[in-house]
Amino acid sequence: MAFIDLIADEAATGPAATIYAEARAAMGYVPNYARAFASQPDVYLAWQQLNRTIRSAGDLRRFELATLAAARKLRSSYCALAHGKILAEKFSDNESVRAFPRGLSPVDVAVVELAEKVVVDATSVTAADVDRLRTLGLSDDEILVVVLAAAARCFFSKTLDALGIQPDSAYGTLDPELRSALTVGRPIEGAVSA
């Protein structure tokens, strides 16, 4: 349950109504993250633009790896579920995502580890971390996208978790083992706690 009052569907007007309509058209429902930002539509639109720009600046699979690594380290169930689902559906499979980060290539492990360092303590990132990725074939631009993905995830995940925003109940339909592996913080909306 959210810690702030969210705009109900029937009360949404102006930009909030637009946000809800666009989300419903894209996903079939209004996700809780859209509800969280609906009273601040300029922030939401700026986030969407930033996220799209970072995502399109490099390799989408690498973006998803960095984002999942950041979300897990932040203990953001919402973002871990969303991006783990994307990885499983578009780039991998449920078993590989459940085992994350085991079984990844050396370059993917280095991406994950850099994203985790950015989240936990960005001042702990060293030139050696960046050089490791260069040695594994990433350009400086590609390294920057990994850092941007992890840093941006901090904003989004921390905002949702600080407001008590739970992952959408739709994530309850994921494979139970995948769902369990990706629920690293707040429970899915409507989930019964054990």
C-alpha atoms as a PDB file:
ATOM      1  CA  MET A   1       0.000   0.000   0.000  1.00  0.00           C
ATOM      2  CA  ALA A   2       1.361   3.400  -0.993  1.00  0.00           C
ATOM      3  CA  PHE A   3       2.344   5.838   1.738  1.00  0.00           C
ATOM      4  CA  ILE A   4       0.878   8.759  -0.224  1.00  0.00           C
ATOM      5  CA  ASP A   5      -2.541   9.238  -1.760  1.00  0.00           C
ATOM      6  CA  LEU A   6      -2.508   8.258  -5.416  1.00  0.00           C
ATOM      7  CA  ILE A   7      -4.850   9.681  -8.025  1.00  0.00           C
ATOM      8  CA  ALA A   8      -7.740   7.281  -8.606  1.00  0.00           C
ATOM      9  CA  ASP A   9      -8.602   6.418 -12.200  1.00  0.00           C
ATOM     10  CA  GLU A  10     -11.924   8.253 -12.035  1.00  0.00           C
ATOM     11  CA  ALA A  11     -10.289  11.352 -10.501  1.00  0.00           C
ATOM     12  CA  ALA A  12      -7.479  11.590 -13.058  1.00  0.00           C
ATOM     13  CA  THR A  13      -7.699  14.709 -15.199  1.00  0.00           C
ATOM     14  CA  GLY A  14      -5.321  16.622 -17.442  1.00  0.00           C
ATOM     15  CA  PRO A  15      -1.771  15.242 -17.525  1.00  0.00           C
ATOM     16  CA  ALA A  16      -2.575  12.500 -14.991  1.00  0.00           C
ATOM     17  CA  ALA A  17      -5.401  11.235 -17.204  1.00  0.00           C
ATOM     18  CA  THR A  18      -3.014  11.256 -20.173  1.00  0.00           C
ATOM     19  CA  ILE A  19      -0.398   9.280 -18.230  1.00  0.00           C
ATOM     20  CA  TYR A  20      -3.018   6.723 -17.215  1.00  0.00           C
ATOM     21  CA  ALA A  21      -4.448   6.425 -20.730  1.00  0.00           C
ATOM     22  CA  GLU A  22      -1.021   5.961 -22.317  1.00  0.00           C
ATOM     23  CA  ALA A  23      -0.015   3.373 -19.718  1.00  0.00           C
ATOM     24  CA  ARG A  24      -3.294   1.498 -20.133  1.00  0.00           C
ATOM     25  CA  ALA A  25      -2.873   1.481 -23.923  1.00  0.00           C
ATOM     26  CA  ALA A  26       0.685   0.155 -23.658  1.00  0.00           C
ATOM     27  CA  MET A  27       0.260  -2.354 -20.837  1.00  0.00           C
ATOM     28  CA  GLY A  28      -3.431  -3.069 -20.528  1.00  0.00           C
ATOM     29  CA  TYR A  29      -3.547  -1.541 -17.039  1.00  0.00           C
ATOM     30  CA  VAL A  30      -2.177   1.461 -15.164  1.00  0.00           C
ATOM     31  CA  PRO A  31       1.010   0.383 -13.398  1.00  0.00           C
ATOM     32  CA  ASN A  32       1.605   1.526  -9.856  1.00  0.00           C
ATOM     33  CA  TYR A  33       4.744   3.445 -10.853  1.00  0.00           C
ATOM     34  CA  ALA A  34       2.654   5.638 -13.190  1.00  0.00           C
ATOM     35  CA  ARG A  35       0.209   6.269 -10.358  1.00  0.00           C
ATOM     36  CA  ALA A  36       3.099   7.276  -8.093  1.00  0.00           C
ATOM     37  CA  PHE A  37       4.275   9.948 -10.519  1.00  0.00           C
ATOM     38  CA  ALA A  38       0.874  11.102 -11.843  1.00  0.00           C
ATOM     39  CA  SER A  39       0.702  14.142  -9.559  1.00  0.00           C
ATOM     40  CA  GLN A  40       4.106  15.238 -10.878  1.00  0.00           C
ATOM     41  CA  PRO A  41       3.700  14.689 -14.620  1.00  0.00           C
ATOM     42  CA  ASP A  42       6.705  16.814 -15.597  1.00  0.00           C
ATOM     43  CA  VAL A  43       8.963  14.630 -13.449  1.00  0.00           C
ATOM     44  CA  TYR A  44       7.406  11.492 -14.912  1.00  0.00           C
ATOM     45  CA  LEU A  45       7.853  12.701 -18.490  1.00  0.00           C
ATOM     46  CA  ALA A  46      11.446  13.738 -17.752  1.00  0.00           C
ATOM     47  CA  TRP A  47      12.108  10.273 -16.289  1.00  0.00           C
ATOM     48  CA  GLN A  48      10.611   8.579 -19.339  1.00  0.00           C
ATOM     49  CA  GLN A  49      12.794  10.675 -21.634  1.00  0.00           C
ATOM     50  CA  LEU A  50      15.936  10.048 -19.580  1.00  0.00           C
ATOM     51  CA  ASN A  51      15.279   6.314 -19.390  1.00  0.00           C
ATOM     52  CA  ARG A  52      14.534   6.059 -23.137  1.00  0.00           C
ATOM     53  CA  THR A  53      17.680   8.018 -23.956  1.00  0.00           C
ATOM     54  CA  ILE A  54      19.920   5.841 -21.787  1.00  0.00           C
ATOM     55  CA  ARG A  55      18.270   2.631 -23.044  1.00  0.00           C
ATOM     56  CA  SER A  56      18.728   3.629 -26.678  1.00  0.00           C
ATOM     57  CA  ALA A  57      22.331   4.789 -26.226  1.00  0.00           C
ATOM     58  CA  GLY A  58      23.785   1.293 -26.224  1.00  0.00           C
ATOM     59  CA  ASP A  59      23.147  -2.421 -26.282  1.00  0.00           C
ATOM     60  CA  LEU A  60      19.663  -3.160 -24.883  1.00  0.00           C
ATOM     61  CA  ARG A  61      20.669  -6.480 -23.316  1.00  0.00           C
ATOM     62  CA  ARG A  62      23.580  -4.814 -21.512  1.00  0.00           C
ATOM     63  CA  PHE A  63      21.241  -2.043 -20.327  1.00  0.00           C
ATOM     64  CA  GLU A  64      18.887  -4.687 -18.900  1.00  0.00           C
ATOM     65  CA  LEU A  65      21.761  -6.527 -17.188  1.00  0.00           C
ATOM     66  CA  ALA A  66      23.005  -3.314 -15.550  1.00  0.00           C
ATOM     67  CA  THR A  67      19.472  -2.325 -14.582  1.00  0.00           C
ATOM     68  CA  LEU A  68      18.668  -5.710 -13.050  1.00  0.00           C
ATOM     69  CA  ALA A  69      21.967  -5.698 -11.159  1.00  0.00           C
ATOM     70  CA  ALA A  70      21.217  -2.227  -9.808  1.00  0.00           C
ATOM     71  CA  ALA A  71      17.625  -3.117  -8.900  1.00  0.00           C
ATOM     72  CA  ARG A  72      18.690  -6.233  -7.020  1.00  0.00           C
ATOM     73  CA  LYS A  73      21.353  -4.346  -5.100  1.00  0.00           C
ATOM     74  CA  LEU A  74      18.777  -1.637  -4.269  1.00  0.00           C
ATOM     75  CA  ARG A  75      16.374  -4.383  -3.153  1.00  0.00           C
ATOM     76  CA  SER A  76      13.779  -3.012  -5.558  1.00  0.00           C
ATOM     77  CA  SER A  77      11.349  -5.819  -6.280  1.00  0.00           C
ATOM     78  CA  TYR A  78       9.432  -3.617  -8.699  1.00  0.00           C
ATOM     79  CA  CYS A  79      12.425  -2.912 -10.943  1.00  0.00           C
ATOM     80  CA  ALA A  80      13.956  -6.385 -10.516  1.00  0.00           C
ATOM     81  CA  LEU A  81      10.679  -7.997 -11.582  1.00  0.00           C
ATOM     82  CA  ALA A  82      10.223  -5.652 -14.542  1.00  0.00           C
ATOM     83  CA  HIS A  83      13.748  -5.954 -15.904  1.00  0.00           C
ATOM     84  CA  GLY A  84      14.217  -9.612 -14.994  1.00  0.00           C
ATOM     85  CA  LYS A  85      11.036 -10.340 -16.962  1.00  0.00           C
ATOM     86  CA  ILE A  86      12.431  -8.445 -19.963  1.00  0.00           C
ATOM     87  CA  LEU A  87      15.723 -10.362 -19.778  1.00  0.00           C
ATOM     88  CA  ALA A  88      13.933 -13.702 -19.522  1.00  0.00           C
ATOM     89  CA  GLU A  89      11.548 -12.956 -22.394  1.00  0.00           C
ATOM     90  CA  LYS A  90      13.854 -11.174 -24.845  1.00  0.00           C
ATOM     91  CA  PHE A  91      17.411 -12.287 -24.163  1.00  0.00           C
ATOM     92  CA  SER A  92      17.554 -15.377 -22.014  1.00  0.00           C
ATOM     93  CA  ASP A  93      15.200 -17.689 -20.145  1.00  0.00           C
ATOM     94  CA  ASN A  94      13.649 -18.002 -16.709  1.00  0.00           C
ATOM     95  CA  GLU A  95      16.329 -20.377 -15.430  1.00  0.00           C
ATOM     96  CA  SER A  96      19.205 -18.066 -16.398  1.00  0.00           C
ATOM     97  CA  VAL A  97      17.524 -15.034 -14.828  1.00  0.00           C
ATOM     98  CA  ARG A  98      16.767 -17.006 -11.640  1.00  0.00           C
ATOM     99  CA  ALA A  99      20.485 -17.879 -11.423  1.00  0.00           C
ATOM    100  CA  PHE A 100      21.565 -14.267 -12.125  1.00  0.00           C
ATOM    101  CA  PRO A 101      24.456 -13.416 -12.143  1.00  0.00           C
ATOM    102  CA  ARG A 102      25.797 -16.993 -12.228  1.00  0.00           C
ATOM    103  CA  GLY A 103      26.484 -18.281 -15.708  1.00  0.00           C
ATOM    104  CA  LEU A 104      27.181 -14.898 -17.284  1.00  0.00           C
ATOM    105  CA  SER A 105      30.137 -14.233 -19.563  1.00  0.00           C
ATOM    106  CA  PRO A 106      33.163 -12.385 -18.138  1.00  0.00           C
ATOM    107  CA  VAL A 107      32.088  -9.110 -19.782  1.00  0.00           C
ATOM    108  CA  ASP A 108      28.549  -9.457 -18.419  1.00  0.00           C
ATOM    109  CA  VAL A 109      29.904 -10.183 -14.935  1.00  0.00           C
ATOM    110  CA  ALA A 110      32.056  -7.051 -15.142  1.00  0.00           C
ATOM    111  CA  VAL A 111      28.998  -5.006 -16.217  1.00  0.00           C
ATOM    112  CA  VAL A 112      26.972  -6.393 -13.306  1.00  0.00           C
ATOM    113  CA  GLU A 113      29.764  -5.714 -10.823  1.00  0.00           C
ATOM    114  CA  LEU A 114      30.239  -2.128 -12.033  1.00  0.00           C
ATOM    115  CA  ALA A 115      26.487  -1.458 -11.818  1.00  0.00           C
ATOM    116  CA  GLU A 116      26.419  -2.871  -8.281  1.00  0.00           C
ATOM    117  CA  LYS A 117      29.356  -0.681  -7.239  1.00  0.00           C
ATOM    118  CA  VAL A 118      27.635   2.404  -8.624  1.00  0.00           C
ATOM    119  CA  VAL A 119      24.569   1.630  -6.497  1.00  0.00           C
ATOM    120  CA  VAL A 120      26.347   0.691  -3.277  1.00  0.00           C
ATOM    121  CA  ASP A 121      29.136   3.295  -3.273  1.00  0.00           C
ATOM    122  CA  ALA A 122      30.015   5.100  -6.473  1.00  0.00           C
ATOM    123  CA  THR A 123      33.205   6.387  -4.858  1.00  0.00           C
ATOM    124  CA  SER A 124      34.412   2.774  -4.692  1.00  0.00           C
ATOM    125  CA  VAL A 125      34.566   2.574  -8.501  1.00  0.00           C
ATOM    126  CA  THR A 126      38.187   2.700  -9.600  1.00  0.00           C
ATOM    127  CA  ALA A 127      40.069   3.128 -12.833  1.00  0.00           C
ATOM    128  CA  ALA A 128      40.753  -0.612 -12.623  1.00  0.00           C
ATOM    129  CA  ASP A 129      36.996  -1.305 -12.822  1.00  0.00           C
ATOM    130  CA  VAL A 130      36.735   0.763 -15.989  1.00  0.00           C
ATOM    131  CA  ASP A 131      39.943  -0.693 -17.434  1.00  0.00           C
ATOM    132  CA  ARG A 132      38.570  -4.192 -16.837  1.00  0.00           C
ATOM    133  CA  LEU A 133      35.587  -3.393 -19.059  1.00  0.00           C
ATOM    134  CA  ARG A 134      37.846  -1.826 -21.693  1.00  0.00           C
ATOM    135  CA  THR A 135      39.998  -4.953 -21.685  1.00  0.00           C
ATOM    136  CA  LEU A 136      36.844  -7.006 -22.209  1.00  0.00           C
ATOM    137  CA  GLY A 137      36.009  -4.931 -25.297  1.00  0.00           C
ATOM    138  CA  LEU A 138      33.687  -2.153 -24.108  1.00  0.00           C
ATOM    139  CA  SER A 139      34.224   1.388 -25.333  1.00  0.00           C
ATOM    140  CA  ASP A 140      34.115   4.360 -22.998  1.00  0.00           C
ATOM    141  CA  ASP A 141      30.650   5.215 -24.340  1.00  0.00           C
ATOM    142  CA  GLU A 142      29.433   1.699 -23.548  1.00  0.00           C
ATOM    143  CA  ILE A 143      30.888   1.935 -20.039  1.00  0.00           C
ATOM    144  CA  LEU A 144      29.163   5.282 -19.550  1.00  0.00           C
ATOM    145  CA  VAL A 145      25.807   3.708 -20.464  1.00  0.00           C
ATOM    146  CA  VAL A 146      26.306   1.025 -17.780  1.00  0.00           C
ATOM    147  CA  VAL A 147      26.963   3.743 -15.184  1.00  0.00           C
ATOM    148  CA  LEU A 148      24.013   5.814 -16.410  1.00  0.00           C
ATOM    149  CA  ALA A 149      21.671   2.806 -16.252  1.00  0.00           C
ATOM    150  CA  ALA A 150      22.689   2.022 -12.663  1.00  0.00           C
ATOM    151  CA  ALA A 151      22.598   5.647 -11.490  1.00  0.00           C
ATOM    152  CA  ALA A 152      19.218   6.305 -13.087  1.00  0.00           C
ATOM    153  CA  ARG A 153      17.819   3.148 -11.480  1.00  0.00           C
ATOM    154  CA  CYS A 154      18.727   4.612  -8.086  1.00  0.00           C
ATOM    155  CA  PHE A 155      16.393   7.557  -8.700  1.00  0.00           C
ATOM    156  CA  PHE A 156      13.460   5.500  -9.910  1.00  0.00           C
ATOM    157  CA  SER A 157      13.728   2.546  -7.510  1.00  0.00           C
ATOM    158  CA  LYS A 158      14.364   4.667  -4.448  1.00  0.00           C
ATOM    159  CA  THR A 159      11.433   6.936  -5.287  1.00  0.00           C
ATOM    160  CA  LEU A 160       9.049   3.999  -5.586  1.00  0.00           C
ATOM    161  CA  ASP A 161      10.295   2.223  -2.474  1.00  0.00           C
ATOM    162  CA  ALA A 162      10.356   5.390  -0.361  1.00  0.00           C
ATOM    163  CA  LEU A 163       6.682   5.916  -1.241  1.00  0.00           C
ATOM    164  CA  GLY A 164       5.701   2.308  -0.502  1.00  0.00           C
ATOM    165  CA  ILE A 165       4.815   1.576  -4.127  1.00  0.00           C
ATOM    166  CA  GLN A 166       4.456  -2.173  -4.611  1.00  0.00           C
ATOM    167  CA  PRO A 167       5.097  -4.092  -7.814  1.00  0.00           C
ATOM    168  CA  ASP A 168       1.941  -4.502  -9.883  1.00  0.00           C
ATOM    169  CA  SER A 169      -0.224  -7.532  -9.156  1.00  0.00           C
ATOM    170  CA  ALA A 170       0.358  -8.566 -12.805  1.00  0.00           C
ATOM    171  CA  TYR A 171       3.820  -9.799 -11.750  1.00  0.00           C
ATOM    172  CA  GLY A 172       2.025 -12.451  -9.699  1.00  0.00           C
ATOM    173  CA  THR A 173       1.515 -14.377 -12.948  1.00  0.00           C
ATOM    174  CA  LEU A 174       5.249 -14.880 -13.513  1.00  0.00           C
ATOM    175  CA  ASP A 175       6.750 -18.331 -13.119  1.00  0.00           C
ATOM    176  CA  PRO A 176       6.736 -18.838  -9.314  1.00  0.00           C
ATOM    177  CA  GLU A 177      10.477 -19.565  -9.084  1.00  0.00           C
ATOM    178  CA  LEU A 178      11.368 -16.543 -11.235  1.00  0.00           C
ATOM    179  CA  ARG A 179       8.954 -14.366  -9.268  1.00  0.00           C
ATOM    180  CA  SER A 180      10.525 -15.515  -6.001  1.00  0.00           C
ATOM    181  CA  ALA A 181      14.075 -14.858  -7.234  1.00  0.00           C
ATOM    182  CA  LEU A 182      13.174 -11.337  -8.373  1.00  0.00           C
ATOM    183  CA  THR A 183      11.124 -10.304  -5.333  1.00  0.00           C
ATOM    184  CA  VAL A 184      14.061  -8.838  -3.443  1.00  0.00           C
ATOM    185  CA  GLY A 185      12.293  -6.141  -1.420  1.00  0.00           C
ATOM    186  CA  ARG A 186       8.650  -5.060  -1.231  1.00  0.00           C
ATOM    187  CA  PRO A 187       6.103  -7.792  -1.994  1.00  0.00           C
ATOM    188  CA  ILE A 188       3.962  -7.811  -5.113  1.00  0.00           C
ATOM    189  CA  GLU A 189       0.667  -5.977  -4.665  1.00  0.00           C
ATOM    190  CA  GLY A 190      -1.925  -8.363  -3.271  1.00  0.00           C
ATOM    191  CA  ALA A 191       0.629 -11.064  -2.438  1.00  0.00           C
ATOM    192  CA  VAL A 192       0.070 -12.908   0.801  1.00  0.00           C
ATOM    193  CA  SER A 193       3.116 -12.698   3.075  1.00  0.00           C
ATOM    194  CA  ALA A 194       4.379 -15.979   4.460  1.00  0.00           C
END
